[in-house]
């Protein structure tokens, strides 16, 4: 029988290796749930900001070209075609940039390439 000291035992008492936990502890599950909630919230903020900015840009475009009255549903119909693709690209660029990492590890700005700031 293989024995080794278990992390939770006092002293150097050997314990049965089969006593180790197979499932994650409640503390680990709570941490994972917090991390996933944080990522989902950040993605929702990013996609919401993208949708709002894109809609505002399309409305301002209609104002610039003098199309009056503004048909408020028309810009949204144009945006609805592109939004899933743009949201995917935005999330992937932000993920690659480390903006969905833990707060201590997040970068300050999104850089399209990790080599763009390095010297030759």
PDB file of N, CA and C in Angstrom:
ATOM      1  N   UNK A   1       0.841  -1.159   0.000  1.00  0.00           N
ATOM      2  CA  UNK A   1       0.000   0.000   0.000  1.00  0.00           C
ATOM      3  C   UNK A   1       0.897   1.236   0.000  1.00  0.00           C
ATOM      4  N   UNK A   2       0.601   2.195  -0.886  1.00  0.00           N
ATOM      5  CA  UNK A   2       1.389   3.413  -0.975  1.00  0.00           C
ATOM      6  C   UNK A   2       0.885   4.412   0.046  1.00  0.00           C
ATOM      7  N   UNK A   3       1.799   4.943   0.820  1.00  0.00           N
ATOM      8  CA  UNK A   3       1.433   5.962   1.801  1.00  0.00           C
ATOM      9  C   UNK A   3       2.332   7.163   1.631  1.00  0.00           C
ATOM     10  N   UNK A   4       1.784   8.282   1.936  1.00  0.00           N
ATOM     11  CA  UNK A   4       2.550   9.522   1.946  1.00  0.00           C
ATOM     12  C   UNK A   4       1.878  10.460   2.938  1.00  0.00           C
ATOM     13  N   UNK A   5       2.603  11.459   3.430  1.00  0.00           N
ATOM     14  CA  UNK A   5       1.972  12.400   4.359  1.00  0.00           C
ATOM     15  C   UNK A   5       0.902  13.209   3.634  1.00  0.00           C
ATOM     16  N   UNK A   6      -0.261  13.327   4.262  1.00  0.00           N
ATOM     17  CA  UNK A   6      -1.332  14.133   3.693  1.00  0.00           C
ATOM     18  C   UNK A   6      -1.178  15.569   4.156  1.00  0.00           C
ATOM     19  N   UNK A   7      -1.628  16.481   3.338  1.00  0.00           N
ATOM     20  CA  UNK A   7      -1.420  17.902   3.619  1.00  0.00           C
ATOM     21  C   UNK A   7      -2.164  18.364   4.862  1.00  0.00           C
ATOM     22  N   UNK A   8      -3.295  17.782   5.180  1.00  0.00           N
ATOM     23  CA  UNK A   8      -4.098  18.274   6.285  1.00  0.00           C
ATOM     24  C   UNK A   8      -3.787  17.641   7.631  1.00  0.00           C
ATOM     25  N   UNK A   9      -2.893  16.682   7.709  1.00  0.00           N
ATOM     26  CA  UNK A   9      -2.606  15.987   8.957  1.00  0.00           C
ATOM     27  C   UNK A   9      -1.534  16.709   9.755  1.00  0.00           C
ATOM     28  N   UNK A  10      -1.681  16.649  11.056  1.00  0.00           N
ATOM     29  CA  UNK A  10      -0.673  17.254  11.929  1.00  0.00           C
ATOM     30  C   UNK A  10       0.524  16.316  12.021  1.00  0.00           C
ATOM     31  N   UNK A  11       1.699  16.878  11.961  1.00  0.00           N
ATOM     32  CA  UNK A  11       2.909  16.075  12.075  1.00  0.00           C
ATOM     33  C   UNK A  11       3.201  15.343  10.778  1.00  0.00           C
ATOM     34  N   UNK A  12       4.037  14.320  10.893  1.00  0.00           N
ATOM     35  CA  UNK A  12       4.435  13.542   9.726  1.00  0.00           C
ATOM     36  C   UNK A  12       3.779  12.168   9.716  1.00  0.00           C
ATOM     37  N   UNK A  13       2.539  12.072  10.194  1.00  0.00           N
ATOM     38  CA  UNK A  13       1.857  10.791  10.192  1.00  0.00           C
ATOM     39  C   UNK A  13       1.583  10.357   8.766  1.00  0.00           C
ATOM     40  N   UNK A  14       1.981   9.148   8.405  1.00  0.00           N
ATOM     41  CA  UNK A  14       1.642   8.690   7.056  1.00  0.00           C
ATOM     42  C   UNK A  14       0.152   8.389   6.974  1.00  0.00           C
ATOM     43  N   UNK A  15      -0.411   8.689   5.856  1.00  0.00           N
ATOM     44  CA  UNK A  15      -1.826   8.429   5.641  1.00  0.00           C
ATOM     45  C   UNK A  15      -2.015   7.659   4.344  1.00  0.00           C
ATOM     46  N   UNK A  16      -3.166   7.117   4.178  1.00  0.00           N
ATOM     47  CA  UNK A  16      -3.471   6.383   2.965  1.00  0.00           C
ATOM     48  C   UNK A  16      -3.664   7.370   1.824  1.00  0.00           C
ATOM     49  N   UNK A  17      -2.993   7.113   0.700  1.00  0.00           N
ATOM     50  CA  UNK A  17      -3.073   8.026  -0.436  1.00  0.00           C
ATOM     51  C   UNK A  17      -4.483   8.061  -1.015  1.00  0.00           C
ATOM     52  N   UNK A  18      -5.266   7.045  -0.750  1.00  0.00           N
ATOM     53  CA  UNK A  18      -6.627   7.005  -1.265  1.00  0.00           C
ATOM     54  C   UNK A  18      -7.554   7.938  -0.507  1.00  0.00           C
ATOM     55  N   UNK A  19      -7.074   8.552   0.560  1.00  0.00           N
ATOM     56  CA  UNK A  19      -7.895   9.494   1.311  1.00  0.00           C
ATOM     57  C   UNK A  19      -7.918  10.879   0.673  1.00  0.00           C
ATOM     58  N   UNK A  20      -7.124  11.086  -0.343  1.00  0.00           N
ATOM     59  CA  UNK A  20      -7.079  12.399  -0.993  1.00  0.00           C
ATOM     60  C   UNK A  20      -8.419  12.698  -1.659  1.00  0.00           C
ATOM     61  N   UNK A  21      -8.781  13.964  -1.701  1.00  0.00           N
ATOM     62  CA  UNK A  21     -10.052  14.375  -2.294  1.00  0.00           C
ATOM     63  C   UNK A  21     -10.002  14.235  -3.809  1.00  0.00           C
ATOM     64  N   UNK A  22     -11.054  13.707  -4.362  1.00  0.00           N
ATOM     65  CA  UNK A  22     -11.178  13.600  -5.804  1.00  0.00           C
ATOM     66  C   UNK A  22     -11.907  14.824  -6.346  1.00  0.00           C
ATOM     67  N   UNK A  23     -12.925  15.241  -5.660  1.00  0.00           N
ATOM     68  CA  UNK A  23     -13.707  16.406  -6.078  1.00  0.00           C
ATOM     69  C   UNK A  23     -13.097  17.669  -5.481  1.00  0.00           C
ATOM     70  N   UNK A  24     -13.274  18.794  -6.158  1.00  0.00           N
ATOM     71  CA  UNK A  24     -12.752  20.045  -5.599  1.00  0.00           C
ATOM     72  C   UNK A  24     -13.504  20.427  -4.322  1.00  0.00           C
ATOM     73  N   UNK A  25     -12.820  21.127  -3.459  1.00  0.00           N
ATOM     74  CA  UNK A  25     -13.425  21.546  -2.198  1.00  0.00           C
ATOM     75  C   UNK A  25     -14.416  22.681  -2.451  1.00  0.00           C
ATOM     76  N   UNK A  26     -15.289  22.933  -1.495  1.00  0.00           N
ATOM     77  CA  UNK A  26     -16.245  24.044  -1.652  1.00  0.00           C
ATOM     78  C   UNK A  26     -15.548  25.396  -1.831  1.00  0.00           C
ATOM     79  N   UNK A  27     -14.415  25.579  -1.207  1.00  0.00           N
ATOM     80  CA  UNK A  27     -13.676  26.829  -1.366  1.00  0.00           C
ATOM     81  C   UNK A  27     -13.187  26.970  -2.804  1.00  0.00           C
ATOM     82  N   UNK A  28     -12.687  25.882  -3.383  1.00  0.00           N
ATOM     83  CA  UNK A  28     -12.238  25.923  -4.773  1.00  0.00           C
ATOM     84  C   UNK A  28     -13.409  26.155  -5.717  1.00  0.00           C
ATOM     85  N   UNK A  29     -14.544  25.539  -5.461  1.00  0.00           N
ATOM     86  CA  UNK A  29     -15.730  25.742  -6.296  1.00  0.00           C
ATOM     87  C   UNK A  29     -16.230  27.181  -6.199  1.00  0.00           C
ATOM     88  N   UNK A  30     -16.187  27.753  -4.998  1.00  0.00           N
ATOM     89  CA  UNK A  30     -16.602  29.143  -4.824  1.00  0.00           C
ATOM     90  C   UNK A  30     -15.667  30.082  -5.583  1.00  0.00           C
ATOM     91  N   UNK A  31     -14.373  29.807  -5.540  1.00  0.00           N
ATOM     92  CA  UNK A  31     -13.414  30.623  -6.290  1.00  0.00           C
ATOM     93  C   UNK A  31     -13.630  30.515  -7.792  1.00  0.00           C
ATOM     94  N   UNK A  32     -13.896  29.309  -8.266  1.00  0.00           N
ATOM     95  CA  UNK A  32     -14.169  29.110  -9.688  1.00  0.00           C
ATOM     96  C   UNK A  32     -15.444  29.843 -10.113  1.00  0.00           C
ATOM     97  N   UNK A  33     -16.477  29.779  -9.273  1.00  0.00           N
ATOM     98  CA  UNK A  33     -17.734  30.469  -9.584  1.00  0.00           C
ATOM     99  C   UNK A  33     -17.522  31.981  -9.627  1.00  0.00           C
ATOM    100  N   UNK A  34     -16.741  32.518  -8.697  1.00  0.00           N
ATOM    101  CA  UNK A  34     -16.448  33.962  -8.705  1.00  0.00           C
ATOM    102  C   UNK A  34     -15.682  34.361  -9.949  1.00  0.00           C
ATOM    103  N   UNK A  35     -14.720  33.526 -10.353  1.00  0.00           N
ATOM    104  CA  UNK A  35     -13.902  33.815 -11.536  1.00  0.00           C
ATOM    105  C   UNK A  35     -14.755  33.806 -12.800  1.00  0.00           C
ATOM    106  N   UNK A  36     -15.632  32.790 -12.938  1.00  0.00           N
ATOM    107  CA  UNK A  36     -16.514  32.710 -14.102  1.00  0.00           C
ATOM    108  C   UNK A  36     -17.505  33.870 -14.132  1.00  0.00           C
ATOM    109  N   UNK A  37     -18.033  34.248 -12.960  1.00  0.00           N
ATOM    110  CA  UNK A  37     -18.945  35.390 -12.887  1.00  0.00           C
ATOM    111  C   UNK A  37     -18.231  36.670 -13.293  1.00  0.00           C
ATOM    112  N   UNK A  38     -17.002  36.830 -12.871  1.00  0.00           N
ATOM    113  CA  UNK A  38     -16.217  38.008 -13.243  1.00  0.00           C
ATOM    114  C   UNK A  38     -15.988  38.064 -14.748  1.00  0.00           C
ATOM    115  N   UNK A  39     -15.653  36.939 -15.349  1.00  0.00           N
ATOM    116  CA  UNK A  39     -15.415  36.902 -16.797  1.00  0.00           C
ATOM    117  C   UNK A  39     -16.698  37.206 -17.556  1.00  0.00           C
ATOM    118  N   UNK A  40     -17.817  36.617 -17.135  1.00  0.00           N
ATOM    119  CA  UNK A  40     -19.096  36.864 -17.808  1.00  0.00           C
ATOM    120  C   UNK A  40     -19.490  38.341 -17.690  1.00  0.00           C
ATOM    121  N   UNK A  41     -19.261  38.941 -16.527  1.00  0.00           N
ATOM    122  CA  UNK A  41     -19.587  40.359 -16.347  1.00  0.00           C
ATOM    123  C   UNK A  41     -18.720  41.233 -17.241  1.00  0.00           C
ATOM    124  N   UNK A  42     -17.438  40.944 -17.327  1.00  0.00           N
ATOM    125  CA  UNK A  42     -16.549  41.739 -18.181  1.00  0.00           C
ATOM    126  C   UNK A  42     -16.917  41.594 -19.657  1.00  0.00           C
ATOM    127  N   UNK A  43     -17.259  40.385 -20.088  1.00  0.00           N
ATOM    128  CA  UNK A  43     -17.670  40.172 -21.481  1.00  0.00           C
ATOM    129  C   UNK A  43     -18.970  40.930 -21.763  1.00  0.00           C
ATOM    130  N   UNK A  44     -19.912  40.900 -20.815  1.00  0.00           N
ATOM    131  CA  UNK A  44     -21.181  41.609 -21.008  1.00  0.00           C
ATOM    132  C   UNK A  44     -20.950  43.119 -21.105  1.00  0.00           C
ATOM    133  N   UNK A  45     -20.069  43.652 -20.283  1.00  0.00           N
ATOM    134  CA  UNK A  45     -19.760  45.085 -20.346  1.00  0.00           C
ATOM    135  C   UNK A  45     -19.128  45.427 -21.687  1.00  0.00           C
ATOM    136  N   UNK A  46     -18.191  44.603 -22.134  1.00  0.00           N
ATOM    137  CA  UNK A  46     -17.511  44.866 -23.405  1.00  0.00           C
ATOM    138  C   UNK A  46     -18.463  44.801 -24.590  1.00  0.00           C
ATOM    139  N   UNK A  47     -19.298  43.779 -24.647  1.00  0.00           N
ATOM    140  CA  UNK A  47     -20.230  43.629 -25.774  1.00  0.00           C
ATOM    141  C   UNK A  47     -21.308  44.708 -25.720  1.00  0.00           C
ATOM    142  N   UNK A  48     -21.774  45.055 -24.522  1.00  0.00           N
ATOM    143  CA  UNK A  48     -22.745  46.135 -24.397  1.00  0.00           C
ATOM    144  C   UNK A  48     -22.174  47.477 -24.847  1.00  0.00           C
ATOM    145  N   UNK A  49     -20.940  47.743 -24.466  1.00  0.00           N
ATOM    146  CA  UNK A  49     -20.290  48.973 -24.912  1.00  0.00           C
ATOM    147  C   UNK A  49     -20.084  48.997 -26.411  1.00  0.00           C
ATOM    148  N   UNK A  50     -19.714  47.850 -26.965  1.00  0.00           N
ATOM    149  CA  UNK A  50     -19.534  47.747 -28.416  1.00  0.00           C
ATOM    150  C   UNK A  50     -20.854  47.995 -29.146  1.00  0.00           C
ATOM    151  N   UNK A  51     -21.934  47.381 -28.671  1.00  0.00           N
ATOM    152  CA  UNK A  51     -23.242  47.559 -29.317  1.00  0.00           C
ATOM    153  C   UNK A  51     -23.697  49.009 -29.223  1.00  0.00           C
ATOM    154  N   UNK A  52     -23.542  49.630 -28.057  1.00  0.00           N
ATOM    155  CA  UNK A  52     -23.939  51.026 -27.899  1.00  0.00           C
ATOM    156  C   UNK A  52     -23.122  51.968 -28.772  1.00  0.00           C
ATOM    157  N   UNK A  53     -21.821  51.745 -28.833  1.00  0.00           N
ATOM    158  CA  UNK A  53     -20.957  52.605 -29.646  1.00  0.00           C
ATOM    159  C   UNK A  53     -21.259  52.445 -31.134  1.00  0.00           C
ATOM    160  N   UNK A  54     -21.497  51.218 -31.552  1.00  0.00           N
ATOM    161  CA  UNK A  54     -21.802  50.984 -32.958  1.00  0.00           C
ATOM    162  C   UNK A  54     -23.139  51.610 -33.345  1.00  0.00           C
ATOM    163  N   UNK A  55     -24.134  51.484 -32.488  1.00  0.00           N
ATOM    164  CA  UNK A  55     -25.443  52.085 -32.764  1.00  0.00           C
ATOM    165  C   UNK A  55     -25.325  53.609 -32.807  1.00  0.00           C
ATOM    166  N   UNK A  56     -24.599  54.196 -31.858  1.00  0.00           N
ATOM    167  CA  UNK A  56     -24.415  55.645 -31.851  1.00  0.00           C
ATOM    168  C   UNK A  56     -23.691  56.114 -33.106  1.00  0.00           C
ATOM    169  N   UNK A  57     -22.687  55.360 -33.544  1.00  0.00           N
ATOM    170  CA  UNK A  57     -21.965  55.735 -34.762  1.00  0.00           C
ATOM    171  C   UNK A  57     -22.880  55.696 -35.981  1.00  0.00           C
ATOM    172  N   UNK A  58     -23.749  54.711 -36.062  1.00  0.00           N
ATOM    173  CA  UNK A  58     -24.667  54.635 -37.200  1.00  0.00           C
ATOM    174  C   UNK A  58     -25.711  55.751 -37.165  1.00  0.00           C
ATOM    175  N   UNK A  59     -26.178  56.123 -35.976  1.00  0.00           N
ATOM    176  CA  UNK A  59     -27.124  57.230 -35.857  1.00  0.00           C
ATOM    177  C   UNK A  59     -26.445  58.544 -36.229  1.00  0.00           C
ATOM    178  N   UNK A  60     -25.221  58.760 -35.755  1.00  0.00           N
ATOM    179  CA  UNK A  60     -24.486  59.975 -36.105  1.00  0.00           C
ATOM    180  C   UNK A  60     -24.201  60.042 -37.603  1.00  0.00           C
ATOM    181  N   UNK A  61     -23.986  58.894 -38.211  1.00  0.00           N
ATOM    182  CA  UNK A  61     -23.777  58.851 -39.666  1.00  0.00           C
ATOM    183  C   UNK A  61     -25.031  59.319 -40.398  1.00  0.00           C
ATOM    184  N   UNK A  62     -26.190  58.862 -39.928  1.00  0.00           N
ATOM    185  CA  UNK A  62     -27.437  59.294 -40.557  1.00  0.00           C
ATOM    186  C   UNK A  62     -27.656  60.787 -40.365  1.00  0.00           C
ATOM    187  N   UNK A  63     -27.303  61.315 -39.189  1.00  0.00           N
ATOM    188  CA  UNK A  63     -27.427  62.756 -38.959  1.00  0.00           C
ATOM    189  C   UNK A  63     -26.472  63.533 -39.862  1.00  0.00           C
ATOM    190  N   UNK A  64     -25.267  63.023 -40.035  1.00  0.00           N
ATOM    191  CA  UNK A  64     -24.268  63.693 -40.858  1.00  0.00           C
ATOM    192  C   UNK A  64     -24.717  63.785 -42.315  1.00  0.00           C
ATOM    193  N   UNK A  65     -25.281  62.712 -42.816  1.00  0.00           N
ATOM    194  CA  UNK A  65     -25.730  62.708 -44.210  1.00  0.00           C
ATOM    195  C   UNK A  65     -27.107  63.350 -44.390  1.00  0.00           C
ATOM    196  N   UNK A  66     -27.711  63.841 -43.315  1.00  0.00           N
ATOM    197  CA  UNK A  66     -28.944  64.602 -43.397  1.00  0.00           C
ATOM    198  C   UNK A  66     -30.193  63.789 -43.649  1.00  0.00           C
ATOM    199  N   UNK A  67     -30.184  62.552 -43.312  1.00  0.00           N
ATOM    200  CA  UNK A  67     -31.379  61.722 -43.499  1.00  0.00           C
ATOM    201  C   UNK A  67     -32.323  61.965 -42.336  1.00  0.00           C
ATOM    202  N   UNK A  68     -33.404  62.703 -42.613  1.00  0.00           N
ATOM    203  CA  UNK A  68     -34.361  63.033 -41.580  1.00  0.00           C
ATOM    204  C   UNK A  68     -35.736  62.604 -42.029  1.00  0.00           C
ATOM    205  N   UNK A  69     -36.621  62.178 -41.240  1.00  0.00           N
ATOM    206  CA  UNK A  69     -36.432  61.845 -39.837  1.00  0.00           C
ATOM    207  C   UNK A  69     -35.612  60.562 -39.700  1.00  0.00           C
ATOM    208  N   UNK A  70     -34.960  60.448 -38.563  1.00  0.00           N
ATOM    209  CA  UNK A  70     -34.143  59.255 -38.322  1.00  0.00           C
ATOM    210  C   UNK A  70     -35.080  58.087 -38.030  1.00  0.00           C
ATOM    211  N   UNK A  71     -34.926  57.044 -38.756  1.00  0.00           N
ATOM    212  CA  UNK A  71     -35.674  55.810 -38.496  1.00  0.00           C
ATOM    213  C   UNK A  71     -34.836  54.996 -37.517  1.00  0.00           C
ATOM    214  N   UNK A  72     -35.212  55.043 -36.248  1.00  0.00           N
ATOM    215  CA  UNK A  72     -34.369  54.521 -35.181  1.00  0.00           C
ATOM    216  C   UNK A  72     -34.158  53.016 -35.277  1.00  0.00           C
ATOM    217  N   UNK A  73     -35.049  52.299 -35.910  1.00  0.00           N
ATOM    218  CA  UNK A  73     -34.874  50.860 -36.040  1.00  0.00           C
ATOM    219  C   UNK A  73     -33.929  50.479 -37.163  1.00  0.00           C
ATOM    220  N   UNK A  74     -33.758  51.355 -38.131  1.00  0.00           N
ATOM    221  CA  UNK A  74     -32.909  51.051 -39.287  1.00  0.00           C
ATOM    222  C   UNK A  74     -31.440  50.869 -38.913  1.00  0.00           C
ATOM    223  N   UNK A  75     -30.861  51.749 -38.084  1.00  0.00           N
ATOM    224  CA  UNK A  75     -29.466  51.493 -37.687  1.00  0.00           C
ATOM    225  C   UNK A  75     -29.316  50.188 -36.908  1.00  0.00           C
ATOM    226  N   UNK A  76     -30.317  49.849 -36.093  1.00  0.00           N
ATOM    227  CA  UNK A  76     -30.210  48.612 -35.321  1.00  0.00           C
ATOM    228  C   UNK A  76     -30.272  47.392 -36.239  1.00  0.00           C
ATOM    229  N   UNK A  77     -31.073  47.451 -37.313  1.00  0.00           N
ATOM    230  CA  UNK A  77     -31.115  46.336 -38.256  1.00  0.00           C
ATOM    231  C   UNK A  77     -29.763  46.142 -38.925  1.00  0.00           C
ATOM    232  N   UNK A  78     -29.093  47.232 -39.259  1.00  0.00           N
ATOM    233  CA  UNK A  78     -27.762  47.128 -39.856  1.00  0.00           C
ATOM    234  C   UNK A  78     -26.766  46.596 -38.844  1.00  0.00           C
ATOM    235  N   UNK A  79     -26.913  47.019 -37.589  1.00  0.00           N
ATOM    236  CA  UNK A  79     -25.990  46.575 -36.544  1.00  0.00           C
ATOM    237  C   UNK A  79     -26.195  45.107 -36.202  1.00  0.00           C
ATOM    238  N   UNK A  80     -27.420  44.637 -36.242  1.00  0.00           N
ATOM    239  CA  UNK A  80     -27.715  43.257 -35.861  1.00  0.00           C
ATOM    240  C   UNK A  80     -27.014  42.248 -36.765  1.00  0.00           C
ATOM    241  N   UNK A  81     -26.736  42.642 -38.004  1.00  0.00           N
ATOM    242  CA  UNK A  81     -26.037  41.736 -38.914  1.00  0.00           C
ATOM    243  C   UNK A  81     -24.565  41.570 -38.529  1.00  0.00           C
ATOM    244  N   UNK A  82     -23.927  42.647 -38.088  1.00  0.00           N
ATOM    245  CA  UNK A  82     -22.493  42.632 -37.818  1.00  0.00           C
ATOM    246  C   UNK A  82     -22.137  42.368 -36.362  1.00  0.00           C
ATOM    247  N   UNK A  83     -23.071  42.599 -35.443  1.00  0.00           N
ATOM    248  CA  UNK A  83     -22.749  42.531 -34.020  1.00  0.00           C
ATOM    249  C   UNK A  83     -22.210  41.180 -33.559  1.00  0.00           C
ATOM    250  N   UNK A  84     -22.752  40.033 -33.947  1.00  0.00           N
ATOM    251  CA  UNK A  84     -22.170  38.773 -33.474  1.00  0.00           C
ATOM    252  C   UNK A  84     -20.698  38.604 -33.888  1.00  0.00           C
ATOM    253  N   UNK A  85     -20.380  38.952 -35.117  1.00  0.00           N
ATOM    254  CA  UNK A  85     -18.991  38.846 -35.571  1.00  0.00           C
ATOM    255  C   UNK A  85     -18.090  39.816 -34.816  1.00  0.00           C
ATOM    256  N   UNK A  86     -18.533  41.067 -34.683  1.00  0.00           N
ATOM    257  CA  UNK A  86     -17.733  42.064 -33.984  1.00  0.00           C
ATOM    258  C   UNK A  86     -17.569  41.724 -32.504  1.00  0.00           C
ATOM    259  N   UNK A  87     -18.608  41.169 -31.894  1.00  0.00           N
ATOM    260  CA  UNK A  87     -18.515  40.774 -30.492  1.00  0.00           C
ATOM    261  C   UNK A  87     -17.499  39.642 -30.319  1.00  0.00           C
ATOM    262  N   UNK A  88     -17.522  38.675 -31.220  1.00  0.00           N
ATOM    263  CA  UNK A  88     -16.556  37.580 -31.150  1.00  0.00           C
ATOM    264  C   UNK A  88     -15.128  38.091 -31.299  1.00  0.00           C
ATOM    265  N   UNK A  89     -14.915  38.960 -32.274  1.00  0.00           N
ATOM    266  CA  UNK A  89     -13.572  39.512 -32.478  1.00  0.00           C
ATOM    267  C   UNK A  89     -13.127  40.317 -31.257  1.00  0.00           C
ATOM    268  N   UNK A  90     -14.032  41.122 -30.703  1.00  0.00           N
ATOM    269  CA  UNK A  90     -13.697  41.920 -29.527  1.00  0.00           C
ATOM    270  C   UNK A  90     -13.336  41.047 -28.344  1.00  0.00           C
ATOM    271  N   UNK A  91     -14.133  40.030 -28.080  1.00  0.00           N
ATOM    272  CA  UNK A  91     -13.859  39.145 -26.943  1.00  0.00           C
ATOM    273  C   UNK A  91     -12.535  38.408 -27.147  1.00  0.00           C
ATOM    274  N   UNK A  92     -12.268  37.936 -28.358  1.00  0.00           N
ATOM    275  CA  UNK A  92     -11.011  37.227 -28.601  1.00  0.00           C
ATOM    276  C   UNK A  92      -9.800  38.145 -28.476  1.00  0.00           C
ATOM    277  N   UNK A  93      -9.907  39.379 -28.951  1.00  0.00           N
ATOM    278  CA  UNK A  93      -8.784  40.322 -28.829  1.00  0.00           C
ATOM    279  C   UNK A  93      -8.560  40.681 -27.359  1.00  0.00           C
ATOM    280  N   UNK A  94      -9.629  40.916 -26.626  1.00  0.00           N
ATOM    281  CA  UNK A  94      -9.480  41.242 -25.209  1.00  0.00           C
ATOM    282  C   UNK A  94      -8.947  40.048 -24.427  1.00  0.00           C
ATOM    283  N   UNK A  95      -9.392  38.832 -24.785  1.00  0.00           N
ATOM    284  CA  UNK A  95      -8.900  37.632 -24.106  1.00  0.00           C
ATOM    285  C   UNK A  95      -7.402  37.472 -24.362  1.00  0.00           C
ATOM    286  N   UNK A  96      -7.015  37.654 -25.614  1.00  0.00           N
ATOM    287  CA  UNK A  96      -5.604  37.542 -25.988  1.00  0.00           C
ATOM    288  C   UNK A  96      -4.760  38.612 -25.305  1.00  0.00           C
ATOM    289  N   UNK A  97      -5.355  39.794 -25.106  1.00  0.00           N
ATOM    290  CA  UNK A  97      -4.657  40.880 -24.437  1.00  0.00           C
ATOM    291  C   UNK A  97      -4.594  40.723 -22.928  1.00  0.00           C
ATOM    292  N   UNK A  98      -5.227  39.702 -22.383  1.00  0.00           N
ATOM    293  CA  UNK A  98      -5.175  39.451 -20.948  1.00  0.00           C
ATOM    294  C   UNK A  98      -6.140  40.291 -20.133  1.00  0.00           C
ATOM    295  N   UNK A  99      -7.162  40.858 -20.760  1.00  0.00           N
ATOM    296  CA  UNK A  99      -8.087  41.714 -20.027  1.00  0.00           C
ATOM    297  C   UNK A  99      -9.157  40.949 -19.263  1.00  0.00           C
ATOM    298  N   UNK A 100      -9.223  39.649 -19.442  1.00  0.00           N
ATOM    299  CA  UNK A 100     -10.145  38.837 -18.655  1.00  0.00           C
ATOM    300  C   UNK A 100      -9.395  38.025 -17.604  1.00  0.00           C
ATOM    301  N   UNK A 101      -8.139  38.329 -17.388  1.00  0.00           N
ATOM    302  CA  UNK A 101      -7.345  37.656 -16.367  1.00  0.00           C
ATOM    303  C   UNK A 101      -7.725  38.216 -14.997  1.00  0.00           C
ATOM    304  N   UNK A 102      -7.110  37.680 -13.960  1.00  0.00           N
ATOM    305  CA  UNK A 102      -7.359  38.214 -12.626  1.00  0.00           C
ATOM    306  C   UNK A 102      -6.940  39.681 -12.583  1.00  0.00           C
ATOM    307  N   UNK A 103      -7.550  40.428 -11.717  1.00  0.00           N
ATOM    308  CA  UNK A 103      -7.347  41.871 -11.659  1.00  0.00           C
ATOM    309  C   UNK A 103      -5.870  42.238 -11.516  1.00  0.00           C
ATOM    310  N   UNK A 104      -5.136  41.469 -10.757  1.00  0.00           N
ATOM    311  CA  UNK A 104      -3.722  41.768 -10.539  1.00  0.00           C
ATOM    312  C   UNK A 104      -2.893  41.543 -11.800  1.00  0.00           C
ATOM    313  N   UNK A 105      -3.375  40.729 -12.715  1.00  0.00           N
ATOM    314  CA  UNK A 105      -2.619  40.368 -13.905  1.00  0.00           C
ATOM    315  C   UNK A 105      -3.087  41.086 -15.163  1.00  0.00           C
ATOM    316  N   UNK A 106      -4.142  41.902 -15.079  1.00  0.00           N
ATOM    317  CA  UNK A 106      -4.681  42.557 -16.266  1.00  0.00           C
ATOM    318  C   UNK A 106      -3.726  43.606 -16.794  1.00  0.00           C
ATOM    319  N   UNK A 107      -3.690  43.693 -18.108  1.00  0.00           N
ATOM    320  CA  UNK A 107      -2.880  44.720 -18.750  1.00  0.00           C
ATOM    321  C   UNK A 107      -3.623  46.052 -18.699  1.00  0.00           C
ATOM    322  N   UNK A 108      -2.894  47.124 -18.945  1.00  0.00           N
ATOM    323  CA  UNK A 108      -3.509  48.434 -18.918  1.00  0.00           C
ATOM    324  C   UNK A 108      -4.192  48.792 -20.225  1.00  0.00           C
ATOM    325  N   UNK A 109      -3.725  48.253 -21.331  1.00  0.00           N
ATOM    326  CA  UNK A 109      -4.289  48.584 -22.636  1.00  0.00           C
ATOM    327  C   UNK A 109      -4.238  47.351 -23.526  1.00  0.00           C
ATOM    328  N   UNK A 110      -5.081  47.335 -24.535  1.00  0.00           N
ATOM    329  CA  UNK A 110      -5.095  46.217 -25.474  1.00  0.00           C
ATOM    330  C   UNK A 110      -4.047  46.484 -26.545  1.00  0.00           C
ATOM    331  N   UNK A 111      -3.182  45.519 -26.745  1.00  0.00           N
ATOM    332  CA  UNK A 111      -2.160  45.606 -27.790  1.00  0.00           C
ATOM    333  C   UNK A 111      -2.438  44.469 -28.754  1.00  0.00           C
ATOM    334  N   UNK A 112      -2.471  44.775 -30.044  1.00  0.00           N
ATOM    335  CA  UNK A 112      -2.886  43.772 -31.014  1.00  0.00           C
ATOM    336  C   UNK A 112      -1.885  42.642 -31.152  1.00  0.00           C
ATOM    337  N   UNK A 113      -0.637  42.904 -30.896  1.00  0.00           N
ATOM    338  CA  UNK A 113       0.387  41.883 -31.039  1.00  0.00           C
ATOM    339  C   UNK A 113       1.362  41.989 -29.870  1.00  0.00           C
ATOM    340  N   UNK A 114       1.782  40.859 -29.299  1.00  0.00           N
ATOM    341  CA  UNK A 114       2.734  40.964 -28.181  1.00  0.00           C
ATOM    342  C   UNK A 114       4.087  41.479 -28.626  1.00  0.00           C
ATOM    343  N   UNK A 115       4.402  41.448 -29.887  1.00  0.00           N
ATOM    344  CA  UNK A 115       5.699  41.921 -30.370  1.00  0.00           C
ATOM    345  C   UNK A 115       5.660  43.363 -30.861  1.00  0.00           C
ATOM    346  N   UNK A 116       4.487  43.994 -30.810  1.00  0.00           N
ATOM    347  CA  UNK A 116       4.382  45.345 -31.361  1.00  0.00           C
ATOM    348  C   UNK A 116       5.128  46.380 -30.532  1.00  0.00           C
ATOM    349  N   UNK A 117       5.327  46.101 -29.232  1.00  0.00           N
ATOM    350  CA  UNK A 117       5.993  47.063 -28.371  1.00  0.00           C
ATOM    351  C   UNK A 117       7.464  46.735 -28.163  1.00  0.00           C
ATOM    352  N   UNK A 118       7.901  45.606 -28.638  1.00  0.00           N
ATOM    353  CA  UNK A 118       9.298  45.227 -28.391  1.00  0.00           C
ATOM    354  C   UNK A 118      10.217  45.897 -29.387  1.00  0.00           C
ATOM    355  N   UNK A 119      11.446  46.055 -28.967  1.00  0.00           N
ATOM    356  CA  UNK A 119      12.439  46.665 -29.860  1.00  0.00           C
ATOM    357  C   UNK A 119      13.029  45.623 -30.789  1.00  0.00           C
ATOM    358  N   UNK A 120      13.511  46.029 -31.963  1.00  0.00           N
ATOM    359  CA  UNK A 120      14.035  45.050 -32.930  1.00  0.00           C
ATOM    360  C   UNK A 120      15.328  44.421 -32.515  1.00  0.00           C
TER     361      UNK A 120
END
